[in-house]
Amino acid sequence: MKYLKDENFKMDMDSAEDVQESAVLLEAQLAEFRRQMLELPPNYDPLARADLLLQMGRTLIRLEKNQDAWDAGREAFDIFTAREAWEGAVQACDIMFLADQPESLPALGQGIWLTVTFPMDPELSVAMLQHVIDETPSDSDGAAVAATVAHYIVDLRAEGRSREDLMFYTNQLLATVARRHSDVQNQEAFSRWFKKLELDDPAKFLPRMRNVVDVLVQDEWWIDRDAIHSKLPVQ
């Protein structure tokens, strides 16, 4: 999986030498991305720069250069949104969230709003919603809502082997959230919990997801949601 794998590469290292070697490799990758950016032709497509900024941002996160990663993600976000390239914008939001900066939560909220609004790689949608689960207290309903929306999106949008893998993943995610939320240990208890929290009806859990997003973003919206909604085929 591209977005749901463990990115904490240092945890997998056997020695300080391995960590140092990986850092050297990442710095070399970063230098290559910067070289490619400098060599963009004068009439380059802005999306080409944005794609390079995403690669730089991911590398900077792994190097723990979080402010630089944020800056790369924010610039990429502006380019992608200007071109209405929403999946790229969500990837930029993911980088900004992982950069752990003052506006990382608004970035997460806007990324979730976009990934629920527009069809895109379901794995990216699940990854964004899992950030909410990871950041939410165990006894909060927000994690349950996020896990349910992740499962719902996969059910609607994923296909083939990817659908099988992601359905299994989101089922496990829901089970984990249920255990930590209400000590749910079996299928019967899970069914009661699921119904009690009204997670069986999209007409109820999707508005609750919007409330979670509003809490994350507050007044820091960088997109015009009304203008975007006006262009949707079904409103």
Protein backbone atom coordinates (compact mmCIF):
# COMPACT_ATOMS: atom_id res chain seq x y z
CA MET A 1 0.00 0.00 0.00
CA LYS A 2 1.20 3.48 -0.88
CA TYR A 3 -0.37 5.66 1.80
CA LEU A 4 -1.09 3.28 4.68
CA LYS A 5 2.36 1.76 5.11
CA ASP A 6 4.50 2.66 8.12
CA GLU A 7 6.65 5.61 7.18
CA ASN A 8 8.64 5.63 10.40
CA PHE A 9 11.71 4.26 8.69
CA LYS A 10 13.99 4.82 11.66
CA MET A 11 12.13 2.22 13.67
CA ASP A 12 13.21 -0.42 11.16
CA MET A 13 16.90 0.35 11.34
CA ASP A 14 19.33 -1.98 13.08
CA SER A 15 21.97 0.60 13.93
CA ALA A 16 22.89 4.28 13.94
CA GLU A 17 24.93 3.62 10.81
CA ASP A 18 21.80 2.42 9.00
CA VAL A 19 19.93 5.57 10.03
CA GLN A 20 22.80 7.75 8.85
CA GLU A 21 23.03 5.91 5.54
CA SER A 22 19.29 6.31 4.94
CA ALA A 23 19.51 10.01 5.74
CA VAL A 24 22.29 10.35 3.17
CA LEU A 25 20.14 8.58 0.56
CA LEU A 26 17.16 10.79 1.36
CA GLU A 27 19.30 13.92 1.07
CA ALA A 28 20.46 12.68 -2.34
CA GLN A 29 16.84 12.15 -3.40
CA LEU A 30 15.98 15.64 -2.22
CA ALA A 31 18.86 17.12 -4.19
CA GLU A 32 17.67 15.29 -7.30
CA PHE A 33 14.13 16.65 -6.92
CA ARG A 34 15.53 20.16 -6.53
CA ARG A 35 17.67 19.66 -9.64
CA GLN A 36 14.62 18.55 -11.61
CA MET A 37 12.72 21.60 -10.42
CA LEU A 38 15.49 23.95 -11.53
CA GLU A 39 15.51 22.28 -14.94
CA LEU A 40 11.81 22.74 -15.61
CA PRO A 41 11.41 24.57 -18.93
CA PRO A 42 10.27 28.22 -18.96
CA ASN A 43 6.78 27.24 -20.13
CA TYR A 44 6.39 24.30 -17.76
CA ASP A 45 3.02 23.01 -16.60
CA PRO A 46 2.55 24.17 -12.97
CA LEU A 47 1.34 20.67 -12.11
CA ALA A 48 4.82 19.35 -12.92
CA ARG A 49 6.23 21.63 -10.22
CA ALA A 50 3.48 20.60 -7.82
CA ASP A 51 4.27 16.91 -8.33
CA LEU A 52 7.92 17.57 -7.54
CA LEU A 53 6.90 19.54 -4.45
CA LEU A 54 4.95 16.49 -3.23
CA GLN A 55 7.99 14.28 -3.64
CA MET A 56 10.15 16.83 -1.88
CA GLY A 57 7.61 17.19 0.92
CA ARG A 58 7.47 13.44 1.58
CA THR A 59 11.26 13.26 1.63
CA LEU A 60 11.52 16.25 3.96
CA ILE A 61 9.06 14.60 6.36
CA ARG A 62 11.30 11.53 6.53
CA LEU A 63 14.29 13.79 7.15
CA GLU A 64 12.31 15.50 9.95
CA LYS A 65 12.66 18.87 8.23
CA ASN A 66 9.08 19.67 9.04
CA GLN A 67 8.94 23.40 8.32
CA ASP A 68 10.42 22.86 4.86
CA ALA A 69 7.98 19.99 4.30
CA TRP A 70 5.09 22.24 5.27
CA ASP A 71 6.24 24.95 2.87
CA ALA A 72 6.49 22.43 0.02
CA GLY A 73 3.05 21.03 0.82
CA ARG A 74 1.43 24.47 1.03
CA GLU A 75 2.84 25.59 -2.30
CA ALA A 76 1.74 22.32 -3.91
CA PHE A 77 -1.74 22.71 -2.41
CA ASP A 78 -2.16 26.15 -3.95
CA ILE A 79 -1.09 24.91 -7.38
CA PHE A 80 -3.34 21.85 -7.28
CA THR A 81 -6.40 23.74 -6.06
CA ALA A 82 -5.93 26.44 -8.69
CA ARG A 83 -6.06 23.69 -11.33
CA GLU A 84 -8.84 21.79 -9.51
CA ALA A 85 -6.53 18.77 -9.26
CA TRP A 86 -8.12 17.58 -6.04
CA GLU A 87 -6.23 14.35 -5.43
CA GLY A 88 -2.94 16.22 -5.56
CA ALA A 89 -4.36 18.81 -3.16
CA VAL A 90 -5.24 16.05 -0.69
CA GLN A 91 -1.74 14.60 -0.93
CA ALA A 92 -0.42 18.08 -0.12
CA CYS A 93 -2.74 18.22 2.90
CA ASP A 94 -1.36 14.89 4.06
CA ILE A 95 2.17 16.29 3.96
CA MET A 96 1.12 19.44 5.80
CA PHE A 97 -0.55 17.39 8.51
CA LEU A 98 2.49 15.14 8.95
CA ALA A 99 4.70 18.23 9.19
CA ASP A 100 3.16 18.96 12.62
CA GLN A 101 2.91 22.73 12.26
CA PRO A 102 0.40 25.21 13.77
CA GLU A 103 -2.00 24.84 10.83
CA SER A 104 -1.65 21.08 10.40
CA LEU A 105 -5.13 20.35 11.76
CA PRO A 106 -6.82 22.77 9.32
CA ALA A 107 -4.83 21.11 6.53
CA LEU A 108 -6.11 17.71 7.64
CA GLY A 109 -9.70 18.94 7.76
CA GLN A 110 -9.56 20.40 4.27
CA GLY A 111 -7.93 17.27 2.92
CA ILE A 112 -10.72 15.16 4.40
CA TRP A 113 -13.39 17.46 3.00
CA LEU A 114 -11.89 17.14 -0.47
CA THR A 115 -11.36 13.40 -0.30
CA VAL A 116 -14.97 12.80 0.76
CA THR A 117 -16.33 15.25 -1.82
CA PHE A 118 -14.37 13.97 -4.84
CA PRO A 119 -13.70 10.39 -5.97
CA MET A 120 -9.99 9.62 -5.78
CA ASP A 121 -7.63 6.87 -4.67
CA PRO A 122 -9.62 5.22 -1.83
CA GLU A 123 -6.43 4.34 0.00
CA LEU A 124 -5.55 8.03 0.23
CA SER A 125 -9.04 8.70 1.61
CA VAL A 126 -8.58 6.01 4.26
CA ALA A 127 -5.15 7.37 5.20
CA MET A 128 -6.54 10.87 5.74
CA LEU A 129 -9.41 9.58 7.86
CA GLN A 130 -7.06 7.41 9.88
CA HIS A 131 -5.23 10.55 10.97
CA VAL A 132 -8.45 11.58 12.72
CA ILE A 133 -8.66 8.18 14.40
CA ASP A 134 -5.06 8.42 15.58
CA GLU A 135 -5.52 11.95 16.91
CA THR A 136 -8.89 11.46 18.61
CA PRO A 137 -9.32 10.42 22.27
CA SER A 138 -10.42 6.80 22.75
CA ASP A 139 -13.81 7.72 24.21
CA SER A 140 -14.67 10.21 21.46
CA ASP A 141 -17.27 9.36 18.82
CA GLY A 142 -15.19 11.18 16.20
CA ALA A 143 -12.92 8.20 15.64
CA ALA A 144 -15.92 5.92 15.13
CA VAL A 145 -17.38 8.32 12.58
CA ALA A 146 -14.05 8.60 10.72
CA ALA A 147 -13.61 4.81 10.60
CA THR A 148 -17.17 4.39 9.34
CA VAL A 149 -16.70 6.98 6.60
CA ALA A 150 -13.43 5.29 5.56
CA HIS A 151 -15.24 1.95 5.25
CA TYR A 152 -18.13 3.59 3.38
CA ILE A 153 -15.80 5.26 0.85
CA VAL A 154 -13.97 2.01 0.17
CA ASP A 155 -17.26 0.19 -0.31
CA LEU A 156 -18.42 2.83 -2.81
CA ARG A 157 -15.25 3.57 -4.73
CA ALA A 158 -12.69 0.77 -4.55
CA GLU A 159 -12.50 -2.04 -7.09
CA GLY A 160 -10.76 -5.36 -7.60
CA ARG A 161 -7.99 -6.58 -5.32
CA SER A 162 -7.55 -3.11 -3.88
CA ARG A 163 -11.17 -3.21 -2.72
CA GLU A 164 -10.66 -6.56 -0.97
CA ASP A 165 -7.52 -5.33 0.80
CA LEU A 166 -9.03 -2.00 1.83
CA MET A 167 -12.34 -3.52 2.98
CA PHE A 168 -10.37 -5.87 5.22
CA TYR A 169 -8.28 -2.96 6.47
CA THR A 170 -11.24 -0.73 7.29
CA ASN A 171 -13.10 -3.61 8.94
CA GLN A 172 -10.10 -4.06 11.22
CA LEU A 173 -9.97 -0.32 11.78
CA LEU A 174 -13.61 -0.29 12.87
CA ALA A 175 -13.03 -3.23 15.22
CA THR A 176 -10.04 -1.48 16.80
CA VAL A 177 -12.00 1.74 17.30
CA ALA A 178 -14.91 -0.17 18.83
CA ARG A 179 -12.60 -1.91 21.31
CA ARG A 180 -10.95 1.26 22.48
CA HIS A 181 -14.22 3.24 22.52
CA SER A 182 -16.50 0.79 24.33
CA ASP A 183 -14.46 -2.38 24.98
CA VAL A 184 -16.33 -4.21 22.20
CA GLN A 185 -15.00 -7.78 22.01
CA ASN A 186 -17.36 -9.75 19.75
CA GLN A 187 -19.58 -9.40 16.69
CA GLU A 188 -22.84 -9.18 18.64
CA ALA A 189 -21.50 -6.38 20.81
CA PHE A 190 -20.09 -4.66 17.74
CA SER A 191 -23.49 -4.71 16.01
CA ARG A 192 -25.13 -3.14 19.07
CA TRP A 193 -22.40 -0.50 19.33
CA PHE A 194 -22.59 0.29 15.62
CA LYS A 195 -26.35 0.80 15.74
CA LYS A 196 -26.28 2.71 19.02
CA LEU A 197 -23.88 5.28 17.54
CA GLU A 198 -26.04 5.49 14.38
CA LEU A 199 -23.16 4.42 12.18
CA ASP A 200 -25.47 2.35 9.98
CA ASP A 201 -27.00 5.34 8.17
CA PRO A 202 -24.96 7.61 5.84
CA ALA A 203 -27.58 10.32 6.25
CA LYS A 204 -26.52 10.52 9.89
CA PHE A 205 -22.80 9.75 9.95
CA LEU A 206 -21.81 11.94 6.96
CA PRO A 207 -23.13 15.17 8.57
CA ARG A 208 -21.27 14.19 11.73
CA MET A 209 -18.10 13.87 9.66
CA ARG A 210 -18.68 17.40 8.41
CA ASN A 211 -18.86 18.53 12.03
CA VAL A 212 -15.50 16.87 12.73
CA VAL A 213 -14.03 18.68 9.74
CA ASP A 214 -15.39 22.02 10.96
CA VAL A 215 -13.75 21.47 14.34
CA LEU A 216 -10.41 20.72 12.65
CA VAL A 217 -10.48 23.66 10.25
CA GLN A 218 -12.22 26.32 12.37
CA ASP A 219 -12.00 29.54 10.30
CA GLU A 220 -8.87 28.58 8.35
CA TRP A 221 -10.47 27.51 5.08
CA TRP A 222 -8.15 27.91 2.09
CA ILE A 223 -10.75 26.80 -0.46
CA ASP A 224 -14.16 28.16 -1.40
CA ARG A 225 -16.48 25.25 -0.61
CA ASP A 226 -19.55 26.98 -2.01
CA ALA A 227 -17.83 27.63 -5.35
CA ILE A 228 -16.67 24.01 -5.49
CA HIS A 229 -20.14 22.71 -4.65
CA SER A 230 -21.67 24.85 -7.38
CA LYS A 231 -19.61 22.96 -9.97
CA LEU A 232 -20.56 19.49 -8.78
CA PRO A 233 -22.91 17.54 -11.09
CA VAL A 234 -25.12 16.54 -8.13
CA GLN A 235 -25.62 19.00 -5.30
